[in-house]
Amino acid sequence: MAKWTIRIIAGLAILIAGLVVLAVASAVVTGSASVGASLSNGRTISAGGHTPCLGLETTKDSAIITTLRHKVVVAPTTVTVDGKFAGAIPASAKSVDIRFEWTRIDVVADAVVVDPTPASTAMAPVAISR
């Protein structure tokens, strides 16, 4: 083979490798995922949205949702994000949905968006950084 043919093939191989790396990095940054489970108490937990990696662990009446940056705990009457209060949910709620948006995490219980302000205090909601 001629030297110029080898150089063209090598250049194309480097270009293709670069495009593959770019595609994988793009999928990790802008990816989305979803998970769901039913607890033994009858409540369904689902989570999804703009987060590339999502895990779900359940106990009898709680769920722990993990992403690359956050840990969300859905307990029988509260939701916390990274250990900070994110909302009160009714004990009777049959479904809880955690929605990972670009700049926030929404909690929805029985199709109603949960107010992240604690009812017992006048504190402002905790900002969740990404």
Protein backbone atom coordinates (compact mmCIF):
# COMPACT_ATOMS: atom_id res chain seq x y z
CA MET A 1 0.00 0.00 0.00
CA ALA A 2 1.06 3.51 -0.65
CA LYS A 3 1.99 5.77 2.29
CA TRP A 4 -0.86 8.18 1.51
CA THR A 5 -3.42 5.34 1.65
CA ILE A 6 -2.18 4.27 5.08
CA ARG A 7 -2.33 7.88 6.31
CA ILE A 8 -5.92 8.26 5.06
CA ILE A 9 -6.98 5.00 6.74
CA ALA A 10 -5.27 6.02 9.99
CA GLY A 11 -6.91 9.44 9.86
CA LEU A 12 -10.34 7.92 9.30
CA ALA A 13 -9.82 5.50 12.20
CA ILE A 14 -8.92 8.40 14.52
CA LEU A 15 -11.94 10.37 13.30
CA ILE A 16 -14.31 7.44 13.90
CA ALA A 17 -12.86 6.82 17.37
CA GLY A 18 -13.36 10.51 18.22
CA LEU A 19 -16.97 10.42 17.03
CA VAL A 20 -17.69 7.32 19.13
CA VAL A 21 -16.23 9.00 22.25
CA LEU A 22 -18.29 12.13 21.54
CA ALA A 23 -21.49 10.10 21.09
CA VAL A 24 -20.96 8.20 24.36
CA ALA A 25 -20.18 11.40 26.27
CA SER A 26 -23.27 13.06 24.83
CA ALA A 27 -25.47 10.13 25.89
CA VAL A 28 -24.13 10.31 29.46
CA VAL A 29 -24.64 14.08 29.73
CA THR A 30 -28.07 14.32 28.11
CA GLY A 31 -29.40 10.83 28.72
CA SER A 32 -32.62 9.90 30.37
CA ALA A 33 -33.73 6.87 32.31
CA SER A 34 -36.70 5.56 34.25
CA VAL A 35 -37.29 2.99 36.98
CA GLY A 36 -40.29 1.82 38.95
CA ALA A 37 -41.37 -0.60 41.65
CA SER A 38 -44.30 -1.57 43.83
CA LEU A 39 -43.84 -1.61 47.59
CA SER A 40 -45.38 -4.29 49.79
CA ASN A 41 -47.74 -1.67 51.26
CA GLY A 42 -49.33 -1.20 47.80
CA ARG A 43 -47.65 2.10 46.89
CA THR A 44 -45.99 2.37 43.49
CA ILE A 45 -42.80 4.36 43.11
CA SER A 46 -41.55 5.60 39.76
CA ALA A 47 -38.69 7.87 38.81
CA GLY A 48 -37.43 9.18 35.54
CA GLY A 49 -36.37 12.11 33.47
CA HIS A 50 -33.20 13.84 32.45
CA THR A 51 -30.63 11.81 34.31
CA PRO A 52 -28.32 9.30 32.67
CA CYS A 53 -28.01 6.82 35.51
CA LEU A 54 -30.82 5.79 37.82
CA GLY A 55 -31.03 3.15 40.53
CA LEU A 56 -33.90 2.07 42.80
CA GLU A 57 -33.83 0.14 46.07
CA THR A 58 -36.97 -0.65 48.04
CA THR A 59 -37.89 -1.70 51.54
CA LYS A 60 -41.31 -2.58 52.94
CA ASP A 61 -42.58 1.02 52.87
CA SER A 62 -39.76 3.18 51.47
CA ALA A 63 -37.64 3.61 48.36
CA ILE A 64 -34.19 5.00 47.68
CA ILE A 65 -33.56 6.43 44.23
CA THR A 66 -29.96 7.17 43.28
CA THR A 67 -28.47 9.08 40.39
CA LEU A 68 -24.91 10.13 39.68
CA ARG A 69 -25.40 13.25 41.83
CA HIS A 70 -28.42 12.75 44.08
CA LYS A 71 -30.00 10.38 46.58
CA VAL A 72 -33.78 10.64 46.91
CA VAL A 73 -35.50 8.84 49.79
CA VAL A 74 -39.25 8.30 49.57
CA ALA A 75 -40.46 7.48 53.09
CA PRO A 76 -44.08 6.84 54.11
CA THR A 77 -44.84 10.57 54.63
CA THR A 78 -41.79 12.53 53.40
CA VAL A 79 -39.35 12.80 50.54
CA THR A 80 -35.75 13.93 51.02
CA VAL A 81 -33.15 14.82 48.43
CA ASP A 82 -29.54 14.49 49.55
CA GLY A 83 -30.76 14.44 53.16
CA LYS A 84 -32.79 17.67 52.82
CA PHE A 85 -36.57 17.88 53.07
CA ALA A 86 -38.17 17.94 49.60
CA GLY A 87 -41.85 17.49 50.44
CA ALA A 88 -44.53 15.89 52.58
CA ILE A 89 -46.65 13.19 50.99
CA PRO A 90 -49.89 11.74 52.35
CA ALA A 91 -49.49 8.34 53.98
CA SER A 92 -52.45 7.25 51.86
CA ALA A 93 -50.75 8.14 48.53
CA LYS A 94 -50.89 5.14 46.21
CA SER A 95 -48.31 6.42 43.72
CA VAL A 96 -45.25 8.63 44.04
CA ASP A 97 -43.39 9.84 40.97
CA ILE A 98 -39.97 11.50 41.14
CA ARG A 99 -39.29 13.59 38.04
CA PHE A 100 -35.74 14.64 37.27
CA GLU A 101 -35.94 17.82 35.21
CA TRP A 102 -32.96 19.77 33.92
CA THR A 103 -32.73 22.16 36.89
CA ARG A 104 -34.99 20.63 39.52
CA ILE A 105 -36.42 17.46 40.98
CA ASP A 106 -40.24 17.33 41.20
CA VAL A 107 -42.19 15.07 43.55
CA VAL A 108 -45.69 14.04 42.46
CA ALA A 109 -48.01 12.07 44.76
CA ASP A 110 -51.26 10.72 43.29
CA ALA A 111 -50.91 13.09 40.29
CA VAL A 112 -50.49 16.19 42.50
CA VAL A 113 -47.17 18.07 42.56
CA VAL A 114 -45.89 18.17 46.14
CA ASP A 115 -45.06 21.56 47.66
CA PRO A 116 -41.40 21.42 48.79
CA THR A 117 -42.00 23.87 51.68
CA PRO A 118 -42.39 22.22 55.10
CA ALA A 119 -45.90 22.93 56.38
CA SER A 120 -44.62 23.40 59.94
CA THR A 121 -42.09 26.13 59.09
CA ALA A 122 -41.84 29.28 57.04
CA MET A 123 -38.54 28.22 55.49
CA ALA A 124 -37.97 28.57 51.77
CA PRO A 125 -37.52 25.34 49.83
CA VAL A 126 -34.00 24.00 49.59
CA ALA A 127 -32.43 24.63 46.20
CA ILE A 128 -31.21 21.46 44.53
CA SER A 129 -28.04 22.04 42.55
CA ARG A 130 -27.08 19.93 39.56
